[in-house]
């Protein structure tokens, strides 16, 4: 399952506007933080909590992504920035 496309490196934000862009940005920031070894990111991504608006599970659901598949892809380095 592909992760949302991050277009920040090119400077174009096609498809990354409005509520979807905002929520995708939260997910992308979390994935970047995980790759950078920030422990809070791992806690957020591994959590099954859904009792706050930007919980990992709720972010994935909003973006129509499987939390389990996003976790798997994140751990395998899918969507890694170059």
C-alpha atoms as a PDB file:
ATOM      1  CA  UNK A   1       0.000   0.000   0.000  1.00  0.00           C
ATOM      2  CA  UNK A   2       1.598   3.281  -1.026  1.00  0.00           C
ATOM      3  CA  UNK A   3       1.869   6.060   1.503  1.00  0.00           C
ATOM      4  CA  UNK A   4       0.529   9.506   0.646  1.00  0.00           C
ATOM      5  CA  UNK A   5       2.830  11.248  -1.805  1.00  0.00           C
ATOM      6  CA  UNK A   6       4.978  13.910  -0.230  1.00  0.00           C
ATOM      7  CA  UNK A   7       5.500  16.740  -2.682  1.00  0.00           C
ATOM      8  CA  UNK A   8       7.311  19.147  -0.371  1.00  0.00           C
ATOM      9  CA  UNK A   9      10.725  18.321  -1.829  1.00  0.00           C
ATOM     10  CA  UNK A  10       9.653  19.651  -5.235  1.00  0.00           C
ATOM     11  CA  UNK A  11       7.862  22.626  -3.805  1.00  0.00           C
ATOM     12  CA  UNK A  12       4.533  21.710  -5.370  1.00  0.00           C
ATOM     13  CA  UNK A  13       1.593  20.864  -3.171  1.00  0.00           C
ATOM     14  CA  UNK A  14      -0.757  19.258  -5.685  1.00  0.00           C
ATOM     15  CA  UNK A  15      -3.188  17.065  -3.817  1.00  0.00           C
ATOM     16  CA  UNK A  16      -1.893  18.275  -0.466  1.00  0.00           C
ATOM     17  CA  UNK A  17      -4.390  21.008   0.328  1.00  0.00           C
ATOM     18  CA  UNK A  18      -7.352  21.400   2.624  1.00  0.00           C
ATOM     19  CA  UNK A  19      -8.198  18.908   5.358  1.00  0.00           C
ATOM     20  CA  UNK A  20      -6.694  15.960   3.498  1.00  0.00           C
ATOM     21  CA  UNK A  21      -3.416  17.816   3.044  1.00  0.00           C
ATOM     22  CA  UNK A  22      -3.373  18.795   6.696  1.00  0.00           C
ATOM     23  CA  UNK A  23      -3.977  15.275   7.933  1.00  0.00           C
ATOM     24  CA  UNK A  24      -1.559  13.792   5.384  1.00  0.00           C
ATOM     25  CA  UNK A  25       1.019  16.283   6.630  1.00  0.00           C
ATOM     26  CA  UNK A  26       0.549  15.014  10.186  1.00  0.00           C
ATOM     27  CA  UNK A  27       1.119  11.444   9.005  1.00  0.00           C
ATOM     28  CA  UNK A  28       4.155  12.402   6.926  1.00  0.00           C
ATOM     29  CA  UNK A  29       5.677  14.328   9.842  1.00  0.00           C
ATOM     30  CA  UNK A  30       5.199  11.271  12.050  1.00  0.00           C
ATOM     31  CA  UNK A  31       6.842   9.017   9.468  1.00  0.00           C
ATOM     32  CA  UNK A  32       9.752  11.451   9.079  1.00  0.00           C
ATOM     33  CA  UNK A  33      10.150  11.568  12.851  1.00  0.00           C
ATOM     34  CA  UNK A  34      10.130   7.761  13.000  1.00  0.00           C
ATOM     35  CA  UNK A  35      12.880   7.580  10.358  1.00  0.00           C
ATOM     36  CA  UNK A  36      14.883  10.125  12.353  1.00  0.00           C
ATOM     37  CA  UNK A  37      14.646   7.882  15.424  1.00  0.00           C
ATOM     38  CA  UNK A  38      12.421  10.103  17.537  1.00  0.00           C
ATOM     39  CA  UNK A  39      10.875   7.878  20.224  1.00  0.00           C
ATOM     40  CA  UNK A  40       7.619   9.846  20.442  1.00  0.00           C
ATOM     41  CA  UNK A  41       6.939   9.005  16.793  1.00  0.00           C
ATOM     42  CA  UNK A  42       7.220   5.272  17.467  1.00  0.00           C
ATOM     43  CA  UNK A  43       4.857   5.594  20.424  1.00  0.00           C
ATOM     44  CA  UNK A  44       2.341   7.501  18.267  1.00  0.00           C
ATOM     45  CA  UNK A  45       2.543   5.067  15.337  1.00  0.00           C
ATOM     46  CA  UNK A  46       2.341   1.975  17.558  1.00  0.00           C
ATOM     47  CA  UNK A  47      -0.621   3.264  19.554  1.00  0.00           C
ATOM     48  CA  UNK A  48      -4.112   1.885  18.957  1.00  0.00           C
ATOM     49  CA  UNK A  49      -5.719   4.809  20.784  1.00  0.00           C
ATOM     50  CA  UNK A  50      -8.470   6.526  18.869  1.00  0.00           C
ATOM     51  CA  UNK A  51      -9.778   8.901  21.504  1.00  0.00           C
ATOM     52  CA  UNK A  52      -8.264  12.107  20.134  1.00  0.00           C
ATOM     53  CA  UNK A  53      -8.566  13.706  16.684  1.00  0.00           C
ATOM     54  CA  UNK A  54      -4.974  13.234  15.520  1.00  0.00           C
ATOM     55  CA  UNK A  55      -4.440   9.753  16.924  1.00  0.00           C
ATOM     56  CA  UNK A  56      -2.508   7.618  14.433  1.00  0.00           C
ATOM     57  CA  UNK A  57      -5.457   5.255  13.935  1.00  0.00           C
ATOM     58  CA  UNK A  58      -7.840   8.155  13.238  1.00  0.00           C
ATOM     59  CA  UNK A  59      -5.363   9.830  10.857  1.00  0.00           C
ATOM     60  CA  UNK A  60      -5.082   6.604   8.867  1.00  0.00           C
ATOM     61  CA  UNK A  61      -8.847   6.109   8.822  1.00  0.00           C
ATOM     62  CA  UNK A  62      -9.377   9.669   7.610  1.00  0.00           C
ATOM     63  CA  UNK A  63      -6.913   9.047   4.777  1.00  0.00           C
ATOM     64  CA  UNK A  64      -8.540   5.666   4.011  1.00  0.00           C
ATOM     65  CA  UNK A  65      -5.341   3.811   4.911  1.00  0.00           C
ATOM     66  CA  UNK A  66      -4.952   0.665   6.972  1.00  0.00           C
ATOM     67  CA  UNK A  67      -3.032   1.500  10.167  1.00  0.00           C
ATOM     68  CA  UNK A  68      -1.453  -1.971  10.089  1.00  0.00           C
ATOM     69  CA  UNK A  69      -0.295  -1.527   6.494  1.00  0.00           C
ATOM     70  CA  UNK A  70       1.088   1.957   7.159  1.00  0.00           C
ATOM     71  CA  UNK A  71       2.972   0.620  10.196  1.00  0.00           C
ATOM     72  CA  UNK A  72       4.364  -2.241   8.130  1.00  0.00           C
ATOM     73  CA  UNK A  73       5.424   0.082   5.308  1.00  0.00           C
ATOM     74  CA  UNK A  74       6.971   2.543   7.761  1.00  0.00           C
ATOM     75  CA  UNK A  75       9.008  -0.186   9.446  1.00  0.00           C
ATOM     76  CA  UNK A  76      10.182  -1.483   6.053  1.00  0.00           C
ATOM     77  CA  UNK A  77      11.236   1.976   4.890  1.00  0.00           C
ATOM     78  CA  UNK A  78       8.542   2.333   2.201  1.00  0.00           C
ATOM     79  CA  UNK A  79       8.070   5.891   1.078  1.00  0.00           C
ATOM     80  CA  UNK A  80      11.528   6.813   2.318  1.00  0.00           C
ATOM     81  CA  UNK A  81      12.723  10.210   1.201  1.00  0.00           C
ATOM     82  CA  UNK A  82      15.891  10.400  -0.793  1.00  0.00           C
END
